[in-house]
Amino acid sequence: MSDLERAKAVLTGDDSFGCAACRTDVNGHVDVLTGTGRGVRPLLQWLATGQRLDEYAAADRVVGKGAALLYVRLGVAAVYAQTMSEAGLAALQAHHIDSSYGTLIPVILNRSRTGMCPIEQSVVDIDDPVQAEPAIRAAVAKLMRR
């Protein structure tokens, strides 16, 4: 089983996981990381703790451009999303990250489905993963104040 297949199986095996990442080292040891919580929260938590995902394959429920840029920042080798936005796919491809999806959609909508997701909106004009992180954190903080 590939790391990406394993990450997908971990993700779909537990509804509490928002994302999963797997890496097999040269000795065959498999490292599995899981993230709980909605949206980009698990990715921001990994970044805050200094976690790197070099050579990991990740599976996520929803990947828009914001999540894609955070995955780039984390250093993943591959990303699968059950649902991925066109901008998320373009961001991953621009950074040479293998990407696949179950469903590709034009844009990630907000929870009330009345407009663009605030996280996706926060990076609409940003392509640099380093610049994306503070913009996403600011958008999350704004959402938390509501």
N, C-alpha and C. Protein backbone atom coordinates (compact mmCIF):
# COMPACT_ATOMS: atom_id res chain seq x y z
N MET A 1 0.85 -1.18 0.00
CA MET A 1 0.00 0.00 0.00
C MET A 1 0.89 1.24 0.00
N SER A 2 0.57 2.19 -0.87
CA SER A 2 1.35 3.43 -0.93
C SER A 2 1.00 4.33 0.26
N ASP A 3 1.87 5.29 0.52
CA ASP A 3 1.60 6.24 1.60
C ASP A 3 0.30 7.00 1.35
N LEU A 4 0.04 7.35 0.10
CA LEU A 4 -1.20 8.08 -0.21
C LEU A 4 -2.42 7.20 0.02
N GLU A 5 -2.35 5.96 -0.41
CA GLU A 5 -3.48 5.04 -0.16
C GLU A 5 -3.70 4.85 1.33
N ARG A 6 -2.61 4.74 2.09
CA ARG A 6 -2.71 4.57 3.54
C ARG A 6 -3.34 5.81 4.18
N ALA A 7 -2.91 6.99 3.75
CA ALA A 7 -3.47 8.23 4.31
C ALA A 7 -4.97 8.33 4.00
N LYS A 8 -5.37 7.95 2.80
CA LYS A 8 -6.79 7.96 2.44
C LYS A 8 -7.58 6.98 3.30
N ALA A 9 -7.00 5.80 3.55
CA ALA A 9 -7.68 4.80 4.38
C ALA A 9 -7.82 5.29 5.82
N VAL A 10 -6.80 5.93 6.35
CA VAL A 10 -6.87 6.47 7.71
C VAL A 10 -7.96 7.54 7.77
N LEU A 11 -7.97 8.45 6.81
CA LEU A 11 -8.96 9.52 6.79
C LEU A 11 -10.38 8.98 6.73
N THR A 12 -10.62 8.05 5.84
CA THR A 12 -11.98 7.55 5.66
C THR A 12 -12.38 6.58 6.77
N GLY A 13 -11.41 6.11 7.53
CA GLY A 13 -11.71 5.15 8.59
C GLY A 13 -12.21 5.78 9.88
N ASP A 14 -12.13 7.11 9.99
CA ASP A 14 -12.54 7.77 11.23
C ASP A 14 -13.07 9.16 10.89
N ASP A 15 -14.36 9.38 11.11
CA ASP A 15 -14.98 10.66 10.77
C ASP A 15 -14.46 11.83 11.59
N SER A 16 -13.76 11.56 12.69
CA SER A 16 -13.24 12.66 13.51
C SER A 16 -11.98 13.27 12.91
N PHE A 17 -11.36 12.58 11.96
CA PHE A 17 -10.14 13.11 11.34
C PHE A 17 -10.50 14.06 10.21
N GLY A 18 -9.86 15.23 10.22
CA GLY A 18 -10.01 16.16 9.11
C GLY A 18 -8.97 15.90 8.04
N CYS A 19 -7.82 15.34 8.49
CA CYS A 19 -6.75 15.02 7.56
C CYS A 19 -5.86 13.95 8.16
N ALA A 20 -5.09 13.32 7.30
CA ALA A 20 -4.13 12.30 7.72
C ALA A 20 -2.92 12.39 6.80
N ALA A 21 -1.75 12.09 7.34
CA ALA A 21 -0.53 12.11 6.56
C ALA A 21 0.30 10.88 6.91
N CYS A 22 0.87 10.25 5.90
CA CYS A 22 1.64 9.02 6.11
C CYS A 22 2.97 9.10 5.36
N ARG A 23 3.98 8.47 5.97
CA ARG A 23 5.30 8.37 5.34
C ARG A 23 5.92 7.06 5.76
N THR A 24 6.49 6.35 4.81
CA THR A 24 7.21 5.12 5.08
C THR A 24 8.70 5.41 4.95
N ASP A 25 9.48 5.12 5.99
CA ASP A 25 10.91 5.40 5.92
C ASP A 25 11.65 4.25 5.23
N VAL A 26 12.96 4.38 5.09
CA VAL A 26 13.77 3.40 4.36
C VAL A 26 13.76 2.03 5.02
N ASN A 27 13.45 1.96 6.32
CA ASN A 27 13.38 0.70 7.03
C ASN A 27 11.99 0.08 7.01
N GLY A 28 11.07 0.74 6.32
CA GLY A 28 9.71 0.21 6.23
C GLY A 28 8.80 0.64 7.37
N HIS A 29 9.31 1.47 8.29
CA HIS A 29 8.48 1.98 9.38
C HIS A 29 7.51 3.02 8.84
N VAL A 30 6.25 2.88 9.19
CA VAL A 30 5.22 3.82 8.72
C VAL A 30 4.89 4.80 9.83
N ASP A 31 5.00 6.08 9.51
CA ASP A 31 4.63 7.15 10.45
C ASP A 31 3.29 7.70 9.98
N VAL A 32 2.32 7.75 10.89
CA VAL A 32 0.99 8.25 10.57
C VAL A 32 0.67 9.42 11.49
N LEU A 33 0.31 10.54 10.90
CA LEU A 33 -0.13 11.72 11.64
C LEU A 33 -1.59 11.97 11.29
N THR A 34 -2.37 12.32 12.28
CA THR A 34 -3.77 12.66 12.01
C THR A 34 -4.07 14.02 12.61
N GLY A 35 -4.99 14.71 11.98
CA GLY A 35 -5.43 16.00 12.46
C GLY A 35 -6.93 16.00 12.66
N THR A 36 -7.35 16.52 13.80
CA THR A 36 -8.78 16.63 14.06
C THR A 36 -9.17 18.10 14.03
N GLY A 37 -10.44 18.33 13.88
CA GLY A 37 -10.92 19.71 13.80
C GLY A 37 -11.29 20.03 12.36
N ARG A 38 -12.04 21.10 12.22
CA ARG A 38 -12.54 21.49 10.91
C ARG A 38 -11.56 22.39 10.18
N GLY A 39 -11.72 22.40 8.88
CA GLY A 39 -10.97 23.32 8.04
C GLY A 39 -9.47 23.16 8.12
N VAL A 40 -8.77 24.29 8.18
CA VAL A 40 -7.31 24.29 8.16
C VAL A 40 -6.70 24.20 9.56
N ARG A 41 -7.54 24.09 10.59
CA ARG A 41 -7.05 24.06 11.97
C ARG A 41 -5.92 23.04 12.19
N PRO A 42 -6.06 21.77 11.73
CA PRO A 42 -4.96 20.82 11.97
C PRO A 42 -3.65 21.24 11.30
N LEU A 43 -3.75 21.82 10.12
CA LEU A 43 -2.54 22.25 9.40
C LEU A 43 -1.85 23.39 10.14
N LEU A 44 -2.65 24.33 10.64
CA LEU A 44 -2.09 25.45 11.41
C LEU A 44 -1.47 24.96 12.71
N GLN A 45 -2.07 23.95 13.33
CA GLN A 45 -1.50 23.37 14.55
C GLN A 45 -0.16 22.71 14.26
N TRP A 46 -0.08 21.96 13.16
CA TRP A 46 1.20 21.34 12.81
C TRP A 46 2.26 22.41 12.57
N LEU A 47 1.91 23.46 11.85
CA LEU A 47 2.87 24.53 11.60
C LEU A 47 3.31 25.21 12.90
N ALA A 48 2.37 25.42 13.81
CA ALA A 48 2.68 26.09 15.08
C ALA A 48 3.65 25.28 15.93
N THR A 49 3.59 23.96 15.81
CA THR A 49 4.49 23.11 16.61
C THR A 49 5.79 22.79 15.88
N GLY A 50 5.95 23.31 14.66
CA GLY A 50 7.17 23.07 13.91
C GLY A 50 7.19 21.73 13.18
N GLN A 51 6.05 21.07 13.12
CA GLN A 51 5.96 19.79 12.42
C GLN A 51 6.26 19.98 10.93
N ARG A 52 7.06 19.10 10.39
CA ARG A 52 7.33 19.09 8.95
C ARG A 52 6.71 17.83 8.37
N LEU A 53 6.25 17.90 7.14
CA LEU A 53 5.66 16.75 6.47
C LEU A 53 6.44 16.38 5.22
N ASP A 54 7.75 16.59 5.27
CA ASP A 54 8.58 16.22 4.13
C ASP A 54 8.43 14.73 3.84
N GLU A 55 8.20 14.42 2.56
CA GLU A 55 8.04 13.06 2.06
C GLU A 55 6.74 12.38 2.52
N TYR A 56 5.85 13.11 3.17
CA TYR A 56 4.56 12.55 3.56
C TYR A 56 3.57 12.70 2.42
N ALA A 57 2.62 11.79 2.38
CA ALA A 57 1.45 11.91 1.51
C ALA A 57 0.28 12.23 2.43
N ALA A 58 -0.52 13.20 2.06
CA ALA A 58 -1.62 13.65 2.92
C ALA A 58 -2.95 13.43 2.23
N ALA A 59 -3.95 13.13 3.06
CA ALA A 59 -5.33 13.03 2.59
C ALA A 59 -6.17 13.97 3.45
N ASP A 60 -7.07 14.68 2.82
CA ASP A 60 -7.86 15.70 3.51
C ASP A 60 -9.29 15.64 2.98
N ARG A 61 -10.19 16.16 3.77
CA ARG A 61 -11.59 16.17 3.33
C ARG A 61 -11.84 17.26 2.30
N VAL A 62 -11.35 18.47 2.56
CA VAL A 62 -11.55 19.60 1.65
C VAL A 62 -10.24 20.38 1.53
N VAL A 63 -9.81 20.63 0.31
CA VAL A 63 -8.60 21.42 0.08
C VAL A 63 -8.92 22.53 -0.91
N GLY A 64 -8.89 23.75 -0.38
CA GLY A 64 -8.96 24.94 -1.21
C GLY A 64 -7.56 25.49 -1.35
N LYS A 65 -7.46 26.67 -1.90
CA LYS A 65 -6.14 27.28 -2.10
C LYS A 65 -5.42 27.50 -0.78
N GLY A 66 -6.16 27.91 0.26
CA GLY A 66 -5.54 28.14 1.57
C GLY A 66 -4.89 26.88 2.12
N ALA A 67 -5.65 25.80 2.15
CA ALA A 67 -5.11 24.53 2.64
C ALA A 67 -3.95 24.07 1.76
N ALA A 68 -4.09 24.23 0.45
CA ALA A 68 -3.03 23.82 -0.47
C ALA A 68 -1.72 24.54 -0.14
N LEU A 69 -1.80 25.85 0.07
CA LEU A 69 -0.58 26.61 0.39
C LEU A 69 -0.01 26.21 1.74
N LEU A 70 -0.86 25.84 2.69
CA LEU A 70 -0.35 25.34 3.97
C LEU A 70 0.33 23.99 3.80
N TYR A 71 -0.22 23.13 2.96
CA TYR A 71 0.43 21.85 2.68
C TYR A 71 1.80 22.08 2.02
N VAL A 72 1.89 23.06 1.12
CA VAL A 72 3.17 23.39 0.52
C VAL A 72 4.14 23.82 1.62
N ARG A 73 3.69 24.67 2.51
CA ARG A 73 4.52 25.16 3.62
C ARG A 73 5.00 24.01 4.51
N LEU A 74 4.14 23.01 4.69
CA LEU A 74 4.50 21.85 5.50
C LEU A 74 5.47 20.92 4.79
N GLY A 75 5.56 21.00 3.47
CA GLY A 75 6.53 20.21 2.72
C GLY A 75 6.06 18.87 2.20
N VAL A 76 4.75 18.67 2.09
CA VAL A 76 4.24 17.37 1.64
C VAL A 76 4.70 17.02 0.23
N ALA A 77 4.70 15.73 -0.07
CA ALA A 77 5.04 15.24 -1.40
C ALA A 77 3.79 15.05 -2.25
N ALA A 78 2.66 14.73 -1.59
CA ALA A 78 1.42 14.46 -2.32
C ALA A 78 0.22 14.81 -1.46
N VAL A 79 -0.86 15.24 -2.11
CA VAL A 79 -2.11 15.57 -1.42
C VAL A 79 -3.27 14.98 -2.20
N TYR A 80 -4.16 14.30 -1.47
CA TYR A 80 -5.44 13.86 -2.00
C TYR A 80 -6.51 14.58 -1.20
N ALA A 81 -7.54 15.09 -1.87
CA ALA A 81 -8.68 15.70 -1.18
C ALA A 81 -9.95 15.05 -1.69
N GLN A 82 -10.85 14.78 -0.78
CA GLN A 82 -12.16 14.28 -1.20
C GLN A 82 -12.82 15.33 -2.08
N THR A 83 -12.68 16.61 -1.69
CA THR A 83 -13.16 17.74 -2.48
C THR A 83 -12.04 18.76 -2.58
N MET A 84 -11.73 19.20 -3.79
CA MET A 84 -10.65 20.16 -4.00
C MET A 84 -11.14 21.27 -4.92
N SER A 85 -10.72 22.49 -4.62
CA SER A 85 -11.07 23.61 -5.51
C SER A 85 -10.06 23.69 -6.64
N GLU A 86 -10.48 24.32 -7.72
CA GLU A 86 -9.58 24.52 -8.86
C GLU A 86 -8.35 25.32 -8.45
N ALA A 87 -8.53 26.33 -7.59
CA ALA A 87 -7.39 27.13 -7.13
C ALA A 87 -6.47 26.31 -6.24
N GLY A 88 -7.03 25.42 -5.44
CA GLY A 88 -6.22 24.53 -4.61
C GLY A 88 -5.37 23.61 -5.46
N LEU A 89 -5.98 23.03 -6.49
CA LEU A 89 -5.25 22.15 -7.40
C LEU A 89 -4.14 22.93 -8.10
N ALA A 90 -4.45 24.12 -8.58
CA ALA A 90 -3.45 24.94 -9.27
C ALA A 90 -2.28 25.28 -8.35
N ALA A 91 -2.56 25.59 -7.08
CA ALA A 91 -1.50 25.93 -6.13
C ALA A 91 -0.59 24.72 -5.88
N LEU A 92 -1.18 23.55 -5.71
CA LEU A 92 -0.37 22.35 -5.50
C LEU A 92 0.48 22.05 -6.73
N GLN A 93 -0.12 22.14 -7.91
CA GLN A 93 0.61 21.86 -9.14
C GLN A 93 1.73 22.87 -9.37
N ALA A 94 1.48 24.14 -9.01
CA ALA A 94 2.51 25.17 -9.18
C ALA A 94 3.74 24.89 -8.33
N HIS A 95 3.54 24.16 -7.24
CA HIS A 95 4.65 23.82 -6.34
C HIS A 95 5.09 22.37 -6.52
N HIS A 96 4.68 21.76 -7.62
CA HIS A 96 5.12 20.42 -8.02
C HIS A 96 4.79 19.35 -6.98
N ILE A 97 3.60 19.48 -6.40
CA ILE A 97 3.13 18.48 -5.44
C ILE A 97 2.11 17.60 -6.15
N ASP A 98 2.34 16.29 -6.10
CA ASP A 98 1.38 15.37 -6.69
C ASP A 98 0.03 15.61 -6.04
N SER A 99 -1.01 15.75 -6.85
CA SER A 99 -2.32 16.07 -6.30
C SER A 99 -3.40 15.26 -7.00
N SER A 100 -4.37 14.86 -6.21
CA SER A 100 -5.51 14.11 -6.73
C SER A 100 -6.73 14.44 -5.87
N TYR A 101 -7.89 14.09 -6.38
CA TYR A 101 -9.13 14.47 -5.69
C TYR A 101 -10.25 13.52 -6.06
N GLY A 102 -11.26 13.53 -5.24
CA GLY A 102 -12.49 12.81 -5.55
C GLY A 102 -13.39 13.67 -6.40
N THR A 103 -13.58 14.93 -5.97
CA THR A 103 -14.43 15.89 -6.68
C THR A 103 -13.67 17.21 -6.81
N LEU A 104 -13.64 17.75 -8.01
CA LEU A 104 -13.02 19.06 -8.26
C LEU A 104 -14.14 20.07 -8.45
N ILE A 105 -14.09 21.16 -7.68
CA ILE A 105 -15.12 22.20 -7.75
C ILE A 105 -14.48 23.55 -8.08
N PRO A 106 -15.26 24.48 -8.61
CA PRO A 106 -14.69 25.78 -8.97
C PRO A 106 -14.14 26.55 -7.77
N VAL A 107 -14.87 26.53 -6.66
CA VAL A 107 -14.46 27.31 -5.48
C VAL A 107 -15.04 26.66 -4.23
N ILE A 108 -14.34 26.81 -3.11
CA ILE A 108 -14.86 26.35 -1.82
C ILE A 108 -15.80 27.43 -1.31
N LEU A 109 -17.00 27.03 -0.94
CA LEU A 109 -17.99 27.98 -0.42
C LEU A 109 -17.93 28.07 1.10
N ASN A 110 -18.44 29.18 1.64
CA ASN A 110 -18.54 29.31 3.09
C ASN A 110 -19.60 28.33 3.60
N ARG A 111 -19.67 28.19 4.91
CA ARG A 111 -20.57 27.17 5.49
C ARG A 111 -22.04 27.43 5.20
N SER A 112 -22.40 28.70 5.03
CA SER A 112 -23.80 29.01 4.72
C SER A 112 -24.07 28.97 3.20
N ARG A 113 -23.02 28.70 2.43
CA ARG A 113 -23.10 28.57 0.97
C ARG A 113 -23.57 29.86 0.28
N THR A 114 -23.21 31.00 0.88
CA THR A 114 -23.62 32.29 0.33
C THR A 114 -22.47 33.02 -0.35
N GLY A 115 -21.30 32.46 -0.33
CA GLY A 115 -20.14 33.10 -0.93
C GLY A 115 -18.91 32.24 -0.75
N MET A 116 -17.77 32.80 -1.11
CA MET A 116 -16.51 32.08 -1.01
C MET A 116 -16.11 31.85 0.44
N CYS A 117 -15.52 30.70 0.70
CA CYS A 117 -14.98 30.37 2.02
C CYS A 117 -14.00 31.48 2.45
N PRO A 118 -14.10 31.95 3.70
CA PRO A 118 -13.21 33.03 4.15
C PRO A 118 -11.73 32.67 4.08
N ILE A 119 -11.39 31.40 4.25
CA ILE A 119 -9.98 31.00 4.16
C ILE A 119 -9.52 31.08 2.71
N GLU A 120 -10.34 30.60 1.80
CA GLU A 120 -10.02 30.68 0.38
C GLU A 120 -9.92 32.15 -0.04
N GLN A 121 -10.84 32.97 0.47
CA GLN A 121 -10.84 34.40 0.14
C GLN A 121 -9.57 35.08 0.64
N SER A 122 -9.07 34.65 1.81
CA SER A 122 -7.90 35.30 2.41
C SER A 122 -6.63 35.15 1.57
N VAL A 123 -6.59 34.17 0.67
CA VAL A 123 -5.39 33.94 -0.13
C VAL A 123 -5.65 34.07 -1.63
N VAL A 124 -6.78 34.66 -1.98
CA VAL A 124 -7.14 34.75 -3.40
C VAL A 124 -6.05 35.44 -4.21
N ASP A 125 -5.35 36.41 -3.63
CA ASP A 125 -4.29 37.14 -4.35
C ASP A 125 -2.90 36.77 -3.86
N ILE A 126 -2.77 35.66 -3.15
CA ILE A 126 -1.48 35.23 -2.59
C ILE A 126 -1.09 33.88 -3.19
N ASP A 127 0.14 33.79 -3.66
CA ASP A 127 0.65 32.53 -4.20
C ASP A 127 1.83 32.00 -3.40
N ASP A 128 2.39 32.81 -2.52
CA ASP A 128 3.55 32.44 -1.71
C ASP A 128 3.07 31.80 -0.41
N PRO A 129 3.45 30.54 -0.15
CA PRO A 129 3.02 29.86 1.07
C PRO A 129 3.44 30.58 2.36
N VAL A 130 4.58 31.25 2.34
CA VAL A 130 5.04 31.97 3.54
C VAL A 130 4.12 33.15 3.82
N GLN A 131 3.68 33.85 2.79
CA GLN A 131 2.76 34.97 2.95
C GLN A 131 1.35 34.49 3.25
N ALA A 132 1.01 33.29 2.80
CA ALA A 132 -0.34 32.76 3.01
C ALA A 132 -0.63 32.45 4.47
N GLU A 133 0.35 31.93 5.18
CA GLU A 133 0.09 31.51 6.56
C GLU A 133 -0.45 32.64 7.45
N PRO A 134 0.20 33.82 7.51
CA PRO A 134 -0.36 34.88 8.36
C PRO A 134 -1.73 35.38 7.88
N ALA A 135 -1.96 35.38 6.58
CA ALA A 135 -3.27 35.80 6.05
C ALA A 135 -4.35 34.80 6.49
N ILE A 136 -4.02 33.53 6.46
CA ILE A 136 -4.97 32.50 6.88
C ILE A 136 -5.21 32.58 8.39
N ARG A 137 -4.14 32.76 9.15
CA ARG A 137 -4.30 32.89 10.62
C ARG A 137 -5.18 34.09 10.97
N ALA A 138 -5.02 35.19 10.24
CA ALA A 138 -5.85 36.38 10.48
C ALA A 138 -7.31 36.08 10.15
N ALA A 139 -7.56 35.35 9.07
CA ALA A 139 -8.93 35.00 8.70
C ALA A 139 -9.56 34.08 9.74
N VAL A 140 -8.78 33.13 10.24
CA VAL A 140 -9.28 32.22 11.29
C VAL A 140 -9.60 33.00 12.56
N ALA A 141 -8.70 33.91 12.94
CA ALA A 141 -8.94 34.71 14.14
C ALA A 141 -10.22 35.54 14.00
N LYS A 142 -10.44 36.09 12.83
CA LYS A 142 -11.66 36.87 12.57
C LYS A 142 -12.91 35.98 12.71
N LEU A 143 -12.82 34.77 12.17
CA LEU A 143 -13.94 33.83 12.27
C LEU A 143 -14.22 33.44 13.73
N MET A 144 -13.18 33.30 14.52
CA MET A 144 -13.32 32.90 15.91
C MET A 144 -13.99 33.99 16.75
N ARG A 145 -13.86 35.24 16.31
CA ARG A 145 -14.47 36.37 17.04
C ARG A 145 -15.98 36.47 16.80
N ARG A 146 -16.49 35.77 15.80
CA ARG A 146 -17.90 35.85 15.46
C ARG A 146 -18.76 35.15 16.48
